[in-house]
C-alpha atoms as a PDB file:
ATOM      1  CA  MET A   1       0.000   0.000   0.000  1.00  0.00           C
ATOM      2  CA  THR A   2       2.865   2.374   0.797  1.00  0.00           C
ATOM      3  CA  ASN A   3       4.230   2.139  -2.738  1.00  0.00           C
ATOM      4  CA  ILE A   4       0.830   2.950  -4.235  1.00  0.00           C
ATOM      5  CA  LEU A   5       0.383   5.808  -1.761  1.00  0.00           C
ATOM      6  CA  ASN A   6       3.768   7.302  -2.652  1.00  0.00           C
ATOM      7  CA  ALA A   7       3.075   6.879  -6.374  1.00  0.00           C
ATOM      8  CA  ILE A   8      -0.160   8.858  -6.060  1.00  0.00           C
ATOM      9  CA  LEU A   9       1.584  11.558  -4.023  1.00  0.00           C
ATOM     10  CA  VAL A  10       4.316  11.860  -6.675  1.00  0.00           C
ATOM     11  CA  ILE A  11       1.625  12.295  -9.337  1.00  0.00           C
ATOM     12  CA  ILE A  12       0.043  15.025  -7.207  1.00  0.00           C
ATOM     13  CA  LEU A  13       3.420  16.784  -6.928  1.00  0.00           C
ATOM     14  CA  VAL A  14       3.844  16.639 -10.710  1.00  0.00           C
ATOM     15  CA  LEU A  15       0.321  17.987 -11.216  1.00  0.00           C
ATOM     16  CA  ASN A  16       1.221  20.876  -8.906  1.00  0.00           C
ATOM     17  CA  LEU A  17       3.945  21.894 -11.343  1.00  0.00           C
ATOM     18  CA  PHE A  18       1.544  21.557 -14.269  1.00  0.00           C
ATOM     19  CA  THR A  19      -0.790  24.078 -12.605  1.00  0.00           C
ATOM     20  CA  LEU A  20       2.102  26.558 -12.604  1.00  0.00           C
ATOM     21  CA  GLY A  21       3.067  25.679 -16.182  1.00  0.00           C
ATOM     22  CA  THR A  22      -0.081  26.805 -17.968  1.00  0.00           C
ATOM     23  CA  SER A  23      -1.939  30.076 -18.298  1.00  0.00           C
ATOM     24  CA  ARG A  24      -5.188  28.400 -19.402  1.00  0.00           C
ATOM     25  CA  ILE A  25      -7.538  28.541 -16.433  1.00  0.00           C
ATOM     26  CA  LEU A  26      -9.743  25.697 -17.696  1.00  0.00           C
ATOM     27  CA  THR A  27      -6.696  23.428 -17.905  1.00  0.00           C
ATOM     28  CA  VAL A  28      -5.793  24.281 -14.307  1.00  0.00           C
ATOM     29  CA  ILE A  29      -9.358  23.468 -13.223  1.00  0.00           C
ATOM     30  CA  ARG A  30      -9.089  20.063 -14.898  1.00  0.00           C
ATOM     31  CA  ILE A  31      -5.734  19.401 -13.229  1.00  0.00           C
ATOM     32  CA  VAL A  32      -7.213  20.249  -9.840  1.00  0.00           C
ATOM     33  CA  ALA A  33     -10.129  17.897 -10.587  1.00  0.00           C
ATOM     34  CA  ILE A  34      -7.661  15.067 -11.253  1.00  0.00           C
ATOM     35  CA  GLN A  35      -5.902  15.924  -8.007  1.00  0.00           C
ATOM     36  CA  GLY A  36      -9.207  15.766  -6.155  1.00  0.00           C
ATOM     37  CA  PHE A  37      -9.962  12.346  -7.604  1.00  0.00           C
ATOM     38  CA  LEU A  38      -6.563  11.012  -6.551  1.00  0.00           C
ATOM     39  CA  LEU A  39      -6.844  12.542  -3.083  1.00  0.00           C
ATOM     40  CA  GLY A  40      -9.960  10.498  -2.488  1.00  0.00           C
ATOM     41  CA  PHE A  41      -7.926   7.282  -2.400  1.00  0.00           C
ATOM     42  CA  LEU A  42      -5.393   8.519   0.142  1.00  0.00           C
ATOM     43  CA  PRO A  43      -7.345   7.897   3.397  1.00  0.00           C
ATOM     44  CA  LEU A  44      -7.751   4.226   2.490  1.00  0.00           C
ATOM     45  CA  LEU A  45      -4.145   3.780   1.375  1.00  0.00           C
ATOM     46  CA  ALA A  46      -2.639   5.654   4.319  1.00  0.00           C
ATOM     47  CA  HIS A  47      -4.315   3.563   7.018  1.00  0.00           C
ATOM     48  CA  ASN A  48      -5.501   0.384   5.256  1.00  0.00           C
ATOM     49  CA  HIS A  49      -8.904   0.944   6.822  1.00  0.00           C
ATOM     50  CA  PHE A  50     -11.928  -0.063   4.758  1.00  0.00           C
ATOM     51  CA  SER A  51     -14.915   0.601   7.025  1.00  0.00           C
ATOM     52  CA  LEU A  52     -18.233   1.769   5.624  1.00  0.00           C
ATOM     53  CA  ALA A  53     -17.714   5.238   7.106  1.00  0.00           C
ATOM     54  CA  SER A  54     -14.272   5.637   5.510  1.00  0.00           C
ATOM     55  CA  ILE A  55     -15.590   4.493   2.119  1.00  0.00           C
ATOM     56  CA  LEU A  56     -18.445   7.020   2.304  1.00  0.00           C
ATOM     57  CA  ILE A  57     -15.964   9.752   3.186  1.00  0.00           C
ATOM     58  CA  VAL A  58     -13.750   8.764   0.246  1.00  0.00           C
ATOM     59  CA  LEU A  59     -16.698   8.852  -2.153  1.00  0.00           C
ATOM     60  CA  THR A  60     -17.854  12.214  -0.806  1.00  0.00           C
ATOM     61  CA  THR A  61     -14.357  13.650  -1.168  1.00  0.00           C
ATOM     62  CA  MET A  62     -14.082  12.409  -4.752  1.00  0.00           C
ATOM     63  CA  ILE A  63     -17.502  13.713  -5.746  1.00  0.00           C
ATOM     64  CA  LEU A  64     -16.913  17.174  -4.288  1.00  0.00           C
ATOM     65  CA  LYS A  65     -13.247  17.672  -5.225  1.00  0.00           C
ATOM     66  CA  ALA A  66     -13.255  15.935  -8.607  1.00  0.00           C
ATOM     67  CA  PHE A  67     -16.700  16.772  -9.968  1.00  0.00           C
ATOM     68  CA  VAL A  68     -18.881  19.255  -8.081  1.00  0.00           C
ATOM     69  CA  ILE A  69     -16.330  21.980  -7.274  1.00  0.00           C
ATOM     70  CA  PRO A  70     -14.578  21.837 -10.704  1.00  0.00           C
ATOM     71  CA  SER A  71     -18.003  22.008 -12.390  1.00  0.00           C
ATOM     72  CA  MET A  72     -18.881  25.152 -10.425  1.00  0.00           C
ATOM     73  CA  MET A  73     -15.552  26.758 -11.322  1.00  0.00           C
ATOM     74  CA  SER A  74     -15.945  25.809 -14.989  1.00  0.00           C
ATOM     75  CA  GLN A  75     -19.402  27.392 -15.035  1.00  0.00           C
ATOM     76  CA  ALA A  76     -18.017  30.549 -13.420  1.00  0.00           C
ATOM     77  CA  LEU A  77     -15.262  30.569 -16.041  1.00  0.00           C
ATOM     78  CA  ARG A  78     -17.817  30.364 -18.858  1.00  0.00           C
ATOM     79  CA  ASP A  79     -19.910  33.122 -17.304  1.00  0.00           C
ATOM     80  CA  ALA A  80     -16.855  35.357 -16.933  1.00  0.00           C
ATOM     81  CA  GLN A  81     -15.780  34.615 -20.524  1.00  0.00           C
ATOM     82  CA  ILE A  82     -12.083  34.476 -19.698  1.00  0.00           C
ATOM     83  CA  LYS A  83      -9.628  31.824 -20.804  1.00  0.00           C
ATOM     84  CA  ARG A  84      -6.143  32.741 -19.648  1.00  0.00           C
ATOM     85  CA  GLU A  85      -4.132  34.400 -16.926  1.00  0.00           C
ATOM     86  CA  PHE A  86      -2.467  36.943 -19.227  1.00  0.00           C
ATOM     87  CA  GLU A  87      -0.213  38.923 -16.881  1.00  0.00           C
ATOM     88  CA  PRO A  88       0.750  36.934 -13.781  1.00  0.00           C
ATOM     89  CA  LEU A  89       3.106  38.562 -11.319  1.00  0.00           C
ATOM     90  CA  ILE A  90       5.655  35.837 -12.136  1.00  0.00           C
ATOM     91  CA  GLY A  91       5.896  34.318 -15.615  1.00  0.00           C
ATOM     92  CA  ILE A  92       5.193  30.694 -16.461  1.00  0.00           C
ATOM     93  CA  LEU A  93       8.800  29.434 -16.513  1.00  0.00           C
ATOM     94  CA  PRO A  94       9.851  31.273 -13.317  1.00  0.00           C
ATOM     95  CA  SER A  95       6.675  29.935 -11.662  1.00  0.00           C
ATOM     96  CA  ILE A  96       7.633  26.363 -12.556  1.00  0.00           C
ATOM     97  CA  ILE A  97      11.148  26.913 -11.212  1.00  0.00           C
ATOM     98  CA  LEU A  98       9.757  28.428  -8.020  1.00  0.00           C
ATOM     99  CA  GLY A  99       7.367  25.488  -7.639  1.00  0.00           C
ATOM    100  CA  ALA A 100      10.209  23.012  -8.176  1.00  0.00           C
ATOM    101  CA  LEU A 101      12.288  24.818  -5.534  1.00  0.00           C
ATOM    102  CA  ALA A 102       9.318  24.703  -3.134  1.00  0.00           C
ATOM    103  CA  THR A 103       9.024  20.945  -3.725  1.00  0.00           C
ATOM    104  CA  VAL A 104      12.737  20.395  -3.123  1.00  0.00           C
ATOM    105  CA  PHE A 105      12.551  22.544   0.012  1.00  0.00           C
ATOM    106  CA  ALA A 106       9.636  20.451   1.294  1.00  0.00           C
ATOM    107  CA  LEU A 107      11.572  17.225   0.717  1.00  0.00           C
ATOM    108  CA  LEU A 108      14.728  18.529   2.407  1.00  0.00           C
ATOM    109  CA  PHE A 109      12.832  20.100   5.285  1.00  0.00           C
ATOM    110  CA  THR A 110      10.900  16.906   5.972  1.00  0.00           C
ATOM    111  CA  SER A 111      14.090  14.839   6.022  1.00  0.00           C
ATOM    112  CA  HIS A 112      15.086  16.731   9.190  1.00  0.00           C
ATOM    113  CA  ILE A 113      11.746  16.294  10.967  1.00  0.00           C
ATOM    114  CA  PRO A 114      11.281  13.346  13.347  1.00  0.00           C
ATOM    115  CA  LEU A 115       8.201  11.435  12.191  1.00  0.00           C
ATOM    116  CA  ALA A 116       6.251   8.523  13.599  1.00  0.00           C
ATOM    117  CA  GLN A 117       7.509   5.149  12.454  1.00  0.00           C
ATOM    118  CA  GLU A 118       4.491   4.490  10.227  1.00  0.00           C
ATOM    119  CA  HIS A 119       5.050   7.744   8.304  1.00  0.00           C
ATOM    120  CA  THR A 120       8.813   7.634   7.775  1.00  0.00           C
ATOM    121  CA  GLY A 121       8.545   5.747   4.494  1.00  0.00           C
ATOM    122  CA  THR A 122       5.812   7.887   2.970  1.00  0.00           C
ATOM    123  CA  LEU A 123       5.711  11.223   1.143  1.00  0.00           C
ATOM    124  CA  ILE A 124       2.704  12.515   3.054  1.00  0.00           C
ATOM    125  CA  VAL A 125       4.478  15.358   4.853  1.00  0.00           C
ATOM    126  CA  PRO A 126       6.663  16.652   1.979  1.00  0.00           C
ATOM    127  CA  SER A 127       3.812  16.443  -0.532  1.00  0.00           C
ATOM    128  CA  SER A 128       1.466  18.295   1.820  1.00  0.00           C
ATOM    129  CA  ILE A 129       3.996  21.065   2.463  1.00  0.00           C
ATOM    130  CA  ALA A 130       4.829  21.365  -1.249  1.00  0.00           C
ATOM    131  CA  THR A 131       1.143  21.495  -2.212  1.00  0.00           C
ATOM    132  CA  ILE A 132       0.435  24.182   0.390  1.00  0.00           C
ATOM    133  CA  LEU A 133       3.386  26.260  -0.858  1.00  0.00           C
ATOM    134  CA  ILE A 134       2.336  25.934  -4.500  1.00  0.00           C
ATOM    135  CA  GLY A 135      -1.222  26.908  -3.620  1.00  0.00           C
ATOM    136  CA  PHE A 136       0.214  29.969  -1.878  1.00  0.00           C
ATOM    137  CA  ILE A 137       2.314  30.772  -4.972  1.00  0.00           C
ATOM    138  CA  ILE A 138      -0.788  30.698  -7.181  1.00  0.00           C
ATOM    139  CA  VAL A 139      -2.766  32.883  -4.760  1.00  0.00           C
ATOM    140  CA  THR A 140      -0.027  35.517  -4.594  1.00  0.00           C
ATOM    141  CA  THR A 141       1.131  35.563  -8.235  1.00  0.00           C
ATOM    142  CA  ARG A 142      -2.141  35.269 -10.176  1.00  0.00           C
ATOM    143  CA  PHE A 143      -4.457  38.245 -10.560  1.00  0.00           C
ATOM    144  CA  LYS A 144      -7.633  36.685 -11.950  1.00  0.00           C
ATOM    145  CA  ALA A 145     -10.110  36.134  -9.130  1.00  0.00           C
ATOM    146  CA  LEU A 146     -10.918  32.607 -10.327  1.00  0.00           C
ATOM    147  CA  SER A 147      -7.215  31.723 -10.434  1.00  0.00           C
ATOM    148  CA  GLN A 148      -6.925  32.773  -6.806  1.00  0.00           C
ATOM    149  CA  VAL A 149      -9.904  30.587  -5.885  1.00  0.00           C
ATOM    150  CA  ILE A 150      -8.090  27.678  -7.551  1.00  0.00           C
ATOM    151  CA  GLY A 151      -4.990  28.544  -5.526  1.00  0.00           C
ATOM    152  CA  TYR A 152      -6.996  28.295  -2.295  1.00  0.00           C
ATOM    153  CA  LEU A 153      -8.364  24.936  -3.435  1.00  0.00           C
ATOM    154  CA  ILE A 154      -4.847  23.601  -4.062  1.00  0.00           C
ATOM    155  CA  LEU A 155      -3.760  24.947  -0.688  1.00  0.00           C
ATOM    156  CA  GLU A 156      -6.652  23.067   0.935  1.00  0.00           C
ATOM    157  CA  ASN A 157      -5.567  19.923  -0.906  1.00  0.00           C
ATOM    158  CA  GLY A 158      -2.236  20.211   0.891  1.00  0.00           C
ATOM    159  CA  ILE A 159      -4.032  20.568   4.221  1.00  0.00           C
ATOM    160  CA  PHE A 160      -6.124  17.509   3.340  1.00  0.00           C
ATOM    161  CA  ILE A 161      -2.953  15.479   2.714  1.00  0.00           C
ATOM    162  CA  PHE A 162      -1.450  16.620   6.021  1.00  0.00           C
ATOM    163  CA  GLY A 163      -4.683  15.654   7.770  1.00  0.00           C
ATOM    164  CA  LEU A 164      -3.956  12.019   6.909  1.00  0.00           C
ATOM    165  CA  LEU A 165      -1.360  12.052   9.698  1.00  0.00           C
ATOM    166  CA  LEU A 166      -4.054  12.885  12.234  1.00  0.00           C
ATOM    167  CA  MET A 167      -6.691  10.366  11.251  1.00  0.00           C
ATOM    168  CA  GLY A 168      -5.833   8.149  14.210  1.00  0.00           C
ATOM    169  CA  ALA A 169      -6.232  10.951  16.754  1.00  0.00           C
ATOM    170  CA  MET A 170      -8.817  13.103  14.990  1.00  0.00           C
ATOM    171  CA  PRO A 171     -12.023  11.732  13.464  1.00  0.00           C
ATOM    172  CA  MET A 172     -12.237  12.131   9.689  1.00  0.00           C
ATOM    173  CA  ILE A 173     -15.536  13.901  10.228  1.00  0.00           C
ATOM    174  CA  VAL A 174     -13.500  17.017  11.096  1.00  0.00           C
ATOM    175  CA  GLU A 175     -11.913  16.916   7.640  1.00  0.00           C
ATOM    176  CA  MET A 176     -15.364  16.519   6.139  1.00  0.00           C
ATOM    177  CA  GLY A 177     -16.443  19.649   7.986  1.00  0.00           C
ATOM    178  CA  VAL A 178     -13.513  21.543   6.463  1.00  0.00           C
ATOM    179  CA  LEU A 179     -14.386  20.124   3.048  1.00  0.00           C
ATOM    180  CA  LEU A 180     -17.973  21.303   3.424  1.00  0.00           C
ATOM    181  CA  ASP A 181     -16.743  24.779   4.375  1.00  0.00           C
ATOM    182  CA  LEU A 182     -14.517  24.769   1.283  1.00  0.00           C
ATOM    183  CA  PHE A 183     -17.448  23.730  -0.900  1.00  0.00           C
ATOM    184  CA  VAL A 184     -19.636  26.532   0.447  1.00  0.00           C
ATOM    185  CA  ALA A 185     -16.808  29.091   0.114  1.00  0.00           C
ATOM    186  CA  ILE A 186     -16.117  28.176  -3.518  1.00  0.00           C
ATOM    187  CA  PHE A 187     -19.845  28.083  -4.290  1.00  0.00           C
ATOM    188  CA  VAL A 188     -20.232  31.619  -2.945  1.00  0.00           C
ATOM    189  CA  SER A 189     -17.003  32.750  -4.649  1.00  0.00           C
ATOM    190  CA  CYS A 190     -18.205  31.499  -8.041  1.00  0.00           C
ATOM    191  CA  ILE A 191     -21.475  33.398  -7.634  1.00  0.00           C
ATOM    192  CA  ILE A 192     -19.622  36.557  -6.627  1.00  0.00           C
ATOM    193  CA  ILE A 193     -17.205  36.202  -9.557  1.00  0.00           C
ATOM    194  CA  SER A 194     -20.122  35.887 -11.973  1.00  0.00           C
ATOM    195  CA  LYS A 195     -21.881  38.949 -10.540  1.00  0.00           C
ATOM    196  CA  ILE A 196     -18.705  41.059 -10.474  1.00  0.00           C
ATOM    197  CA  ASN A 197     -17.925  40.167 -14.088  1.00  0.00           C
ATOM    198  CA  LYS A 198     -21.413  41.229 -15.190  1.00  0.00           C
ATOM    199  CA  SER A 199     -21.060  44.542 -13.364  1.00  0.00           C
ATOM    200  CA  PHE A 200     -17.450  45.462 -14.117  1.00  0.00           C
ATOM    201  CA  SER A 201     -16.410  43.224 -17.073  1.00  0.00           C
ATOM    202  CA  SER A 202     -13.132  42.326 -15.371  1.00  0.00           C
ATOM    203  CA  MET A 203     -11.815  39.626 -13.056  1.00  0.00           C
ATOM    204  CA  ASP A 204      -8.442  41.291 -12.486  1.00  0.00           C
ATOM    205  CA  THR A 205      -8.063  41.784  -8.730  1.00  0.00           C
ATOM    206  CA  ARG A 206      -5.710  44.708  -9.324  1.00  0.00           C
ATOM    207  CA  ILE A 207      -8.568  46.579 -10.955  1.00  0.00           C
ATOM    208  CA  LEU A 208     -11.139  45.395  -8.427  1.00  0.00           C
ATOM    209  CA  SER A 209      -8.975  46.567  -5.531  1.00  0.00           C
ATOM    210  CA  SER A 210      -9.291  50.142  -6.813  1.00  0.00           C
ATOM    211  CA  LEU A 211     -13.009  50.025  -5.917  1.00  0.00           C
ATOM    212  CA  LYS A 212     -12.140  50.402  -2.234  1.00  0.00           C
ATOM    213  CA  GLU A 213     -11.103  53.962  -2.946  1.00  0.00           C
END
């Protein structure tokens, strides 16, 4: 199970870099949907626990992260009639390099952290830290409002991965509560993005920030 778990986490790390390597917002949404689908398997693989409750949680996670939330973001993208992030704060190639450096940092940092015996052979901690950092990079370097929502979703994916370490001490229902909050937040964000676009014909947060004046 550990080998399969690590293989999925490596794929997630590679997908993180793909999100930084494209300016097409729809492509990033699809990448995040694939990530959400893969994340659904992790609770079962991390703890080899196949109870009815855990299976329901896995299915709920997959449905929300891989289908419902990406569908809402895709609809918001169509309503906003935007396709690309044209002028990010950091270009595509520098973003990929920065993401790769964040991944390497996460791997090196984790190698110096004492972990429980059952987690020493897995990539749970480095992949969670790397995913959180890459989500933060997207939030801070992309100016389209929908791109920033995607960044928060990726950041939450990293928190979800880290939460696997706490499943023994913390009921998974807590993670489901966080997931529900995320779903509601993105649902509201997509509505707001649609309304703002109809009113101001722009999703650039640099322009929207001028409204506070």
